[in-house]
C-alpha atoms as a PDB file:
ATOM      1  CA  MET A   1     -27.897 110.393  47.938  1.00  0.00           C
ATOM      2  CA  TYR A   2     -26.990 111.096  44.141  1.00  0.00           C
ATOM      3  CA  PRO A   3     -27.041 108.105  42.089  1.00  0.00           C
ATOM      4  CA  GLU A   4     -22.871 107.704  41.722  1.00  0.00           C
ATOM      5  CA  GLU A   5     -23.201 107.877  45.492  1.00  0.00           C
ATOM      6  CA  ARG A   6     -25.577 105.080  45.969  1.00  0.00           C
ATOM      7  CA  GLN A   7     -23.734 102.873  43.397  1.00  0.00           C
ATOM      8  CA  GLN A   8     -20.384 103.358  45.075  1.00  0.00           C
ATOM      9  CA  ALA A   9     -22.014 102.361  48.155  1.00  0.00           C
ATOM     10  CA  ILE A  10     -23.832  99.205  46.779  1.00  0.00           C
ATOM     11  CA  ALA A  11     -20.323  98.176  45.229  1.00  0.00           C
ATOM     12  CA  SER A  12     -18.507  98.347  48.703  1.00  0.00           C
ATOM     13  CA  LEU A  13     -21.399  96.603  50.601  1.00  0.00           C
ATOM     14  CA  VAL A  14     -21.702  93.720  47.713  1.00  0.00           C
ATOM     15  CA  ILE A  15     -17.797  93.176  47.913  1.00  0.00           C
ATOM     16  CA  ALA A  16     -17.773  93.273  51.712  1.00  0.00           C
ATOM     17  CA  ARG A  17     -20.582  90.815  51.813  1.00  0.00           C
ATOM     18  CA  GLY A  18     -19.898  88.862  49.151  1.00  0.00           C
ATOM     19  CA  ARG A  19     -23.219  88.678  47.745  1.00  0.00           C
ATOM     20  CA  ALA A  20     -26.196  91.017  48.036  1.00  0.00           C
ATOM     21  CA  SER A  21     -30.285  90.830  46.522  1.00  0.00           C
ATOM     22  CA  VAL A  22     -32.005  93.548  44.728  1.00  0.00           C
ATOM     23  CA  THR A  23     -34.564  93.359  47.600  1.00  0.00           C
ATOM     24  CA  GLU A  24     -32.025  93.822  50.150  1.00  0.00           C
ATOM     25  CA  LEU A  25     -30.667  96.489  48.465  1.00  0.00           C
ATOM     26  CA  ALA A  26     -33.553  98.243  47.928  1.00  0.00           C
ATOM     27  CA  GLU A  27     -34.407  98.480  51.569  1.00  0.00           C
ATOM     28  CA  THR A  28     -31.025  99.482  52.580  1.00  0.00           C
ATOM     29  CA  TYR A  29     -31.228 102.412  50.033  1.00  0.00           C
ATOM     30  CA  ALA A  30     -34.747 103.260  49.979  1.00  0.00           C
ATOM     31  CA  VAL A  31     -35.130 102.769  46.674  1.00  0.00           C
ATOM     32  CA  THR A  32     -37.384 100.801  44.447  1.00  0.00           C
ATOM     33  CA  THR A  33     -36.246  97.226  42.941  1.00  0.00           C
ATOM     34  CA  GLU A  34     -35.972  98.709  39.605  1.00  0.00           C
ATOM     35  CA  THR A  35     -33.748 101.491  40.476  1.00  0.00           C
ATOM     36  CA  VAL A  36     -31.396  98.644  42.152  1.00  0.00           C
ATOM     37  CA  ARG A  37     -31.363  96.688  38.938  1.00  0.00           C
ATOM     38  CA  ARG A  38     -30.458  99.876  37.057  1.00  0.00           C
ATOM     39  CA  ASP A  39     -27.665 100.479  39.576  1.00  0.00           C
ATOM     40  CA  LEU A  40     -26.614  96.967  39.452  1.00  0.00           C
ATOM     41  CA  ALA A  41     -26.511  97.125  35.685  1.00  0.00           C
ATOM     42  CA  ALA A  42     -24.221 100.207  35.694  1.00  0.00           C
ATOM     43  CA  LEU A  43     -21.934  98.814  38.040  1.00  0.00           C
ATOM     44  CA  ASP A  44     -21.491  95.479  36.064  1.00  0.00           C
ATOM     45  CA  ARG A  45     -20.783  97.130  32.940  1.00  0.00           C
ATOM     46  CA  ALA A  46     -18.211  99.188  34.963  1.00  0.00           C
ATOM     47  CA  GLY A  47     -16.664  95.743  36.169  1.00  0.00           C
ATOM     48  CA  LEU A  48     -17.238  96.544  39.662  1.00  0.00           C
ATOM     49  CA  VAL A  49     -19.717  93.659  40.237  1.00  0.00           C
ATOM     50  CA  ARG A  50     -21.375  90.893  38.260  1.00  0.00           C
ATOM     51  CA  ARG A  51     -24.931  90.557  38.307  1.00  0.00           C
ATOM     52  CA  VAL A  52     -26.449  87.216  38.701  1.00  0.00           C
ATOM     53  CA  HIS A  53     -30.238  85.881  39.349  1.00  0.00           C
ATOM     54  CA  GLY A  54     -31.790  88.171  41.940  1.00  0.00           C
ATOM     55  CA  GLY A  55     -28.771  90.107  42.863  1.00  0.00           C
ATOM     56  CA  ALA A  56     -25.119  90.796  42.571  1.00  0.00           C
ATOM     57  CA  VAL A  57     -21.601  89.115  43.826  1.00  0.00           C
ATOM     58  CA  PRO A  58     -18.325  90.558  43.620  1.00  0.00           C
ATOM     59  CA  VAL A  59     -16.462  89.961  40.165  1.00  0.00           C
ATOM     60  CA  ARG A  60     -13.849  87.730  42.083  1.00  0.00           C
ATOM     61  CA  ALA A  61     -16.843  85.481  43.208  1.00  0.00           C
ATOM     62  CA  LEU A  62     -17.794  84.451  39.566  1.00  0.00           C
ATOM     63  CA  HIS A  63     -15.497  82.090  37.813  1.00  0.00           C
ATOM     64  CA  VAL A  64     -15.921  80.938  34.359  1.00  0.00           C
ATOM     65  CA  VAL A  65     -12.091  79.623  33.689  1.00  0.00           C
ATOM     66  CA  GLU A  66     -11.814  75.994  34.643  1.00  0.00           C
ATOM     67  CA  PRO A  67      -8.589  74.833  35.539  1.00  0.00           C
ATOM     68  CA  GLY A  68      -7.556  71.300  34.050  1.00  0.00           C
ATOM     69  CA  VAL A  69      -6.880  68.083  35.669  1.00  0.00           C
ATOM     70  CA  ALA A  70      -3.115  68.314  36.056  1.00  0.00           C
ATOM     71  CA  GLU A  71      -3.381  71.794  37.274  1.00  0.00           C
ATOM     72  CA  ARG A  72      -5.927  71.004  40.109  1.00  0.00           C
ATOM     73  CA  GLU A  73      -4.143  67.933  40.904  1.00  0.00           C
ATOM     74  CA  GLY A  74      -1.452  69.533  42.861  1.00  0.00           C
ATOM     75  CA  THR A  75      -3.737  72.246  44.477  1.00  0.00           C
ATOM     76  CA  ARG A  76      -4.564  71.724  47.879  1.00  0.00           C
ATOM     77  CA  ALA A  77      -3.402  68.180  47.721  1.00  0.00           C
ATOM     78  CA  GLY A  78      -2.977  67.772  51.800  1.00  0.00           C
ATOM     79  CA  HIS A  79      -6.385  69.190  52.205  1.00  0.00           C
ATOM     80  CA  LYS A  80      -7.899  66.889  49.607  1.00  0.00           C
ATOM     81  CA  ASP A  81      -5.968  64.009  51.056  1.00  0.00           C
ATOM     82  CA  ALA A  82      -7.538  64.579  54.405  1.00  0.00           C
ATOM     83  CA  ILE A  83     -11.054  64.876  52.853  1.00  0.00           C
ATOM     84  CA  ALA A  84     -10.836  61.614  51.187  1.00  0.00           C
ATOM     85  CA  ALA A  85      -9.527  59.932  54.674  1.00  0.00           C
ATOM     86  CA  ALA A  86     -12.582  61.493  56.118  1.00  0.00           C
ATOM     87  CA  ALA A  87     -15.312  60.462  53.362  1.00  0.00           C
ATOM     88  CA  VAL A  88     -13.947  56.581  53.933  1.00  0.00           C
ATOM     89  CA  GLU A  89     -16.509  56.704  57.059  1.00  0.00           C
ATOM     90  CA  PHE A  90     -19.489  57.241  54.138  1.00  0.00           C
ATOM     91  CA  PHE A  91     -18.596  54.029  51.926  1.00  0.00           C
ATOM     92  CA  PRO A  92     -21.632  51.636  52.033  1.00  0.00           C
ATOM     93  CA  LEU A  93     -21.443  48.222  53.017  1.00  0.00           C
ATOM     94  CA  ALA A  94     -21.124  45.436  50.694  1.00  0.00           C
ATOM     95  CA  GLY A  95     -24.161  44.924  48.025  1.00  0.00           C
ATOM     96  CA  ALA A  96     -24.571  48.688  47.949  1.00  0.00           C
ATOM     97  CA  SER A  97     -23.992  51.049  45.038  1.00  0.00           C
ATOM     98  CA  VAL A  98     -21.743  54.137  45.010  1.00  0.00           C
ATOM     99  CA  LEU A  99     -21.238  56.832  42.545  1.00  0.00           C
ATOM    100  CA  PHE A 100     -18.060  58.866  41.921  1.00  0.00           C
ATOM    101  CA  ASP A 101     -18.199  62.163  40.104  1.00  0.00           C
ATOM    102  CA  ALA A 102     -14.919  63.424  38.131  1.00  0.00           C
ATOM    103  CA  GLY A 103     -12.518  65.307  39.961  1.00  0.00           C
ATOM    104  CA  THR A 104      -9.314  65.351  41.716  1.00  0.00           C
ATOM    105  CA  THR A 105     -10.887  64.954  45.345  1.00  0.00           C
ATOM    106  CA  THR A 106     -13.128  62.201  44.387  1.00  0.00           C
ATOM    107  CA  ALA A 107     -10.713  60.384  42.582  1.00  0.00           C
ATOM    108  CA  ARG A 108      -8.590  60.482  46.033  1.00  0.00           C
ATOM    109  CA  ILE A 109     -11.766  59.037  47.452  1.00  0.00           C
ATOM    110  CA  ALA A 110     -12.058  56.236  45.119  1.00  0.00           C
ATOM    111  CA  ALA A 111      -8.673  55.248  45.380  1.00  0.00           C
ATOM    112  CA  ARG A 112      -9.704  54.333  49.247  1.00  0.00           C
ATOM    113  CA  LEU A 113     -12.197  51.899  48.290  1.00  0.00           C
ATOM    114  CA  PRO A 114     -11.727  48.804  50.066  1.00  0.00           C
ATOM    115  CA  ALA A 115     -10.312  45.922  47.731  1.00  0.00           C
ATOM    116  CA  ASP A 116     -12.369  43.176  49.398  1.00  0.00           C
ATOM    117  CA  ARG A 117     -16.105  44.847  49.652  1.00  0.00           C
ATOM    118  CA  GLU A 118     -18.456  43.949  46.804  1.00  0.00           C
ATOM    119  CA  LEU A 119     -19.856  47.155  45.538  1.00  0.00           C
ATOM    120  CA  ALA A 120     -21.471  48.501  42.387  1.00  0.00           C
ATOM    121  CA  VAL A 121     -19.612  51.359  41.419  1.00  0.00           C
ATOM    122  CA  VAL A 122     -20.774  54.039  38.444  1.00  0.00           C
ATOM    123  CA  THR A 123     -18.357  57.078  37.699  1.00  0.00           C
ATOM    124  CA  ASN A 124     -17.901  59.190  34.365  1.00  0.00           C
ATOM    125  CA  SER A 125     -14.274  59.685  35.228  1.00  0.00           C
ATOM    126  CA  VAL A 126     -11.735  58.220  32.829  1.00  0.00           C
ATOM    127  CA  PRO A 127      -8.908  58.186  35.527  1.00  0.00           C
ATOM    128  CA  ILE A 128     -11.344  56.841  38.305  1.00  0.00           C
ATOM    129  CA  ALA A 129     -12.396  53.668  36.434  1.00  0.00           C
ATOM    130  CA  ALA A 130      -8.687  53.024  35.169  1.00  0.00           C
ATOM    131  CA  ARG A 131      -7.697  52.862  38.718  1.00  0.00           C
ATOM    132  CA  LEU A 132     -10.909  50.679  40.002  1.00  0.00           C
ATOM    133  CA  ALA A 133     -10.849  48.665  36.715  1.00  0.00           C
ATOM    134  CA  THR A 134      -8.494  46.330  38.308  1.00  0.00           C
ATOM    135  CA  ILE A 135     -10.420  45.585  41.899  1.00  0.00           C
ATOM    136  CA  PRO A 136     -12.070  42.010  41.429  1.00  0.00           C
ATOM    137  CA  ALA A 137     -14.708  42.723  44.095  1.00  0.00           C
ATOM    138  CA  LEU A 138     -15.735  45.801  42.491  1.00  0.00           C
ATOM    139  CA  SER A 139     -18.563  46.016  39.615  1.00  0.00           C
ATOM    140  CA  LEU A 140     -17.495  48.819  37.438  1.00  0.00           C
ATOM    141  CA  HIS A 141     -19.787  50.856  35.446  1.00  0.00           C
ATOM    142  CA  LEU A 142     -18.215  53.466  33.062  1.00  0.00           C
ATOM    143  CA  LEU A 143     -20.546  56.066  31.923  1.00  0.00           C
ATOM    144  CA  GLY A 144     -20.228  56.508  28.013  1.00  0.00           C
ATOM    145  CA  GLY A 145     -19.879  59.836  26.341  1.00  0.00           C
ATOM    146  CA  ARG A 146     -17.646  62.562  25.011  1.00  0.00           C
ATOM    147  CA  VAL A 147     -14.815  62.767  27.346  1.00  0.00           C
ATOM    148  CA  ARG A 148     -13.907  66.319  28.176  1.00  0.00           C
ATOM    149  CA  GLY A 149      -9.990  66.775  27.991  1.00  0.00           C
ATOM    150  CA  VAL A 150     -10.042  69.399  30.571  1.00  0.00           C
ATOM    151  CA  THR A 151     -11.854  67.096  33.246  1.00  0.00           C
ATOM    152  CA  GLN A 152     -11.298  63.759  31.848  1.00  0.00           C
ATOM    153  CA  ALA A 153     -15.037  63.057  32.485  1.00  0.00           C
ATOM    154  CA  ALA A 154     -17.680  61.705  30.002  1.00  0.00           C
ATOM    155  CA  VAL A 155     -20.362  64.026  29.372  1.00  0.00           C
ATOM    156  CA  GLY A 156     -23.456  64.360  26.783  1.00  0.00           C
ATOM    157  CA  GLU A 157     -27.064  62.547  26.293  1.00  0.00           C
ATOM    158  CA  PRO A 158     -25.664  59.058  26.444  1.00  0.00           C
ATOM    159  CA  VAL A 159     -24.438  59.956  30.184  1.00  0.00           C
ATOM    160  CA  LEU A 160     -27.626  61.751  30.992  1.00  0.00           C
ATOM    161  CA  ARG A 161     -29.881  58.991  29.722  1.00  0.00           C
ATOM    162  CA  THR A 162     -27.964  56.146  31.625  1.00  0.00           C
ATOM    163  CA  LEU A 163     -28.251  58.287  34.920  1.00  0.00           C
ATOM    164  CA  ASP A 164     -32.142  58.812  34.264  1.00  0.00           C
ATOM    165  CA  SER A 165     -32.276  55.199  34.775  1.00  0.00           C
ATOM    166  CA  LEU A 166     -30.129  54.632  37.996  1.00  0.00           C
ATOM    167  CA  ARG A 167     -30.922  54.653  41.532  1.00  0.00           C
ATOM    168  CA  VAL A 168     -27.408  54.891  43.741  1.00  0.00           C
ATOM    169  CA  ASP A 169     -26.997  54.754  47.502  1.00  0.00           C
ATOM    170  CA  ILE A 170     -24.637  57.095  47.709  1.00  0.00           C
ATOM    171  CA  ALA A 171     -23.182  59.810  45.176  1.00  0.00           C
ATOM    172  CA  PHE A 172     -19.666  61.459  45.884  1.00  0.00           C
ATOM    173  CA  ILE A 173     -19.994  64.694  43.964  1.00  0.00           C
ATOM    174  CA  GLY A 174     -17.145  67.316  43.428  1.00  0.00           C
ATOM    175  CA  THR A 175     -18.037  71.229  42.609  1.00  0.00           C
ATOM    176  CA  ASN A 176     -16.060  74.139  41.622  1.00  0.00           C
ATOM    177  CA  GLY A 177     -18.151  76.508  44.038  1.00  0.00           C
ATOM    178  CA  ILE A 178     -20.613  76.522  46.888  1.00  0.00           C
ATOM    179  CA  SER A 179     -22.537  78.968  48.481  1.00  0.00           C
ATOM    180  CA  VAL A 180     -26.127  79.536  49.996  1.00  0.00           C
ATOM    181  CA  GLY A 181     -27.182  81.695  47.091  1.00  0.00           C
ATOM    182  CA  HIS A 182     -26.168  79.716  44.207  1.00  0.00           C
ATOM    183  CA  GLY A 183     -25.756  76.342  45.667  1.00  0.00           C
ATOM    184  CA  LEU A 184     -23.079  74.153  44.034  1.00  0.00           C
ATOM    185  CA  SER A 185     -21.814  75.230  40.632  1.00  0.00           C
ATOM    186  CA  THR A 186     -19.340  74.677  37.985  1.00  0.00           C
ATOM    187  CA  PRO A 187     -18.333  76.705  34.904  1.00  0.00           C
ATOM    188  CA  ASP A 188     -19.187  73.954  32.044  1.00  0.00           C
ATOM    189  CA  SER A 189     -22.856  73.613  31.155  1.00  0.00           C
ATOM    190  CA  GLU A 190     -22.440  69.794  30.046  1.00  0.00           C
ATOM    191  CA  GLU A 191     -20.562  69.025  33.089  1.00  0.00           C
ATOM    192  CA  ALA A 192     -23.370  70.701  35.012  1.00  0.00           C
ATOM    193  CA  ALA A 193     -25.939  68.690  33.406  1.00  0.00           C
ATOM    194  CA  VAL A 194     -24.463  65.777  34.272  1.00  0.00           C
ATOM    195  CA  LYS A 195     -23.638  67.058  38.121  1.00  0.00           C
ATOM    196  CA  ARG A 196     -27.309  67.629  38.449  1.00  0.00           C
ATOM    197  CA  ALA A 197     -28.239  63.923  37.114  1.00  0.00           C
ATOM    198  CA  MET A 198     -25.914  62.455  39.442  1.00  0.00           C
ATOM    199  CA  VAL A 199     -27.455  64.401  42.532  1.00  0.00           C
ATOM    200  CA  THR A 200     -31.029  63.460  41.259  1.00  0.00           C
ATOM    201  CA  CYS A 201     -30.187  59.542  41.065  1.00  0.00           C
ATOM    202  CA  ALA A 202     -28.355  59.443  44.473  1.00  0.00           C
ATOM    203  CA  SER A 203     -30.242  58.441  47.697  1.00  0.00           C
ATOM    204  CA  TYR A 204     -27.621  60.190  49.777  1.00  0.00           C
ATOM    205  CA  VAL A 205     -25.468  63.113  48.208  1.00  0.00           C
ATOM    206  CA  VAL A 206     -21.816  63.868  49.993  1.00  0.00           C
ATOM    207  CA  VAL A 207     -19.994  66.783  48.349  1.00  0.00           C
ATOM    208  CA  ALA A 208     -16.261  66.850  48.706  1.00  0.00           C
ATOM    209  CA  ALA A 209     -14.829  70.164  48.553  1.00  0.00           C
ATOM    210  CA  ASP A 210     -12.110  72.066  50.165  1.00  0.00           C
ATOM    211  CA  SER A 211     -12.749  75.350  51.871  1.00  0.00           C
ATOM    212  CA  SER A 212     -11.351  77.165  48.877  1.00  0.00           C
ATOM    213  CA  LYS A 213     -14.663  76.290  47.079  1.00  0.00           C
ATOM    214  CA  ILE A 214     -16.988  77.364  49.804  1.00  0.00           C
ATOM    215  CA  GLY A 215     -18.349  80.877  49.466  1.00  0.00           C
ATOM    216  CA  ARG A 216     -17.209  80.682  45.439  1.00  0.00           C
ATOM    217  CA  GLU A 217     -19.811  80.975  42.827  1.00  0.00           C
ATOM    218  CA  ASP A 218     -19.112  79.585  39.461  1.00  0.00           C
ATOM    219  CA  PHE A 219     -21.005  80.106  36.184  1.00  0.00           C
ATOM    220  CA  ILE A 220     -23.924  77.417  36.122  1.00  0.00           C
ATOM    221  CA  SER A 221     -25.654  75.961  39.177  1.00  0.00           C
ATOM    222  CA  PHE A 222     -26.379  72.286  39.234  1.00  0.00           C
ATOM    223  CA  ALA A 223     -27.816  71.730  42.736  1.00  0.00           C
ATOM    224  CA  ALA A 224     -29.429  73.685  45.616  1.00  0.00           C
ATOM    225  CA  LEU A 225     -28.082  73.174  49.034  1.00  0.00           C
ATOM    226  CA  ASP A 226     -31.253  71.238  50.137  1.00  0.00           C
ATOM    227  CA  LYS A 227     -30.488  68.394  47.540  1.00  0.00           C
ATOM    228  CA  VAL A 228     -27.101  68.146  49.484  1.00  0.00           C
ATOM    229  CA  ASP A 229     -26.915  65.763  52.548  1.00  0.00           C
ATOM    230  CA  THR A 230     -23.283  66.260  53.550  1.00  0.00           C
ATOM    231  CA  VAL A 231     -20.366  68.309  52.958  1.00  0.00           C
ATOM    232  CA  ILE A 232     -16.774  67.157  53.676  1.00  0.00           C
ATOM    233  CA  THR A 233     -13.982  70.080  53.851  1.00  0.00           C
ATOM    234  CA  ASP A 234     -11.158  70.622  55.695  1.00  0.00           C
ATOM    235  CA  ASP A 235     -10.243  72.851  58.669  1.00  0.00           C
ATOM    236  CA  GLU A 236      -9.758  76.010  57.126  1.00  0.00           C
ATOM    237  CA  ILE A 237     -13.674  76.559  56.977  1.00  0.00           C
ATOM    238  CA  SER A 238     -14.626  79.592  58.387  1.00  0.00           C
ATOM    239  CA  ASP A 239     -17.415  79.699  61.467  1.00  0.00           C
ATOM    240  CA  VAL A 240     -19.567  81.803  59.273  1.00  0.00           C
ATOM    241  CA  ASP A 241     -19.534  79.563  56.386  1.00  0.00           C
ATOM    242  CA  ARG A 242     -20.254  76.403  58.219  1.00  0.00           C
ATOM    243  CA  GLU A 243     -22.678  77.715  60.062  1.00  0.00           C
ATOM    244  CA  ALA A 244     -24.649  78.810  57.093  1.00  0.00           C
ATOM    245  CA  LEU A 245     -24.301  75.291  55.873  1.00  0.00           C
ATOM    246  CA  THR A 246     -25.644  73.823  58.904  1.00  0.00           C
ATOM    247  CA  GLN A 247     -28.584  76.346  58.608  1.00  0.00           C
ATOM    248  CA  HIS A 248     -29.400  74.975  55.405  1.00  0.00           C
ATOM    249  CA  GLY A 249     -29.721  71.361  56.755  1.00  0.00           C
ATOM    250  CA  VAL A 250     -26.085  70.364  55.610  1.00  0.00           C
ATOM    251  CA  GLU A 251     -24.066  68.229  57.707  1.00  0.00           C
ATOM    252  CA  VAL A 252     -20.542  69.609  57.668  1.00  0.00           C
ATOM    253  CA  VAL A 253     -17.621  67.489  58.553  1.00  0.00           C
ATOM    254  CA  VAL A 254     -14.243  69.114  58.829  1.00  0.00           C
ATOM    255  CA  ALA A 255     -11.222  66.725  58.020  1.00  0.00           C
END
């Protein structure tokens, strides 16, 4: 097989499967891993695939453009509402602590908190804090830092220092992408750092992600799947994706 033929075959395989590792490609085409890396570099330059750590993904699977809150608020709203309804079952008992990551789905979950349950609530989301600030039973802690306009979330060193000192009972985390190979991912480095710290400080991690996020890989991974306890998603998740998450020890709740 000529190099051009092999490269075309590799591109077709990556696009069909959604991801392929260097080792897997080397075995499939009976070449060295160095040859595969050169092939992937050529395909990346041609815009046919994108190189990632240990392999390659289709161009469409790697996202670096981040939509704003207003745009995301109306996207798949019915699915997000269903996820929020299912998330109610994970609310802790009175006296516990709960953390809400910034996001339109996590905001819907936060809006369903019982008004009469005494909870310590932590969030870096300005909209979530504004909504919950009027509930007397809640002890609200808004993480302080620079607020990113696109997500209305506080980020930066002050947020990270505070999270490093906390241990919360449960965290509801949003993500732009979730995959077996890349874990949970998001486009922005500061946002990723905060999300990573949130996952680390939580005793139990619930990821709220509609099915369009599953199989998607954004620029920066902030947590591997083994850091996640439960994923709540909608009923459009494929059987293949659900099985893949389950095999990695993640409980999948379909709303």
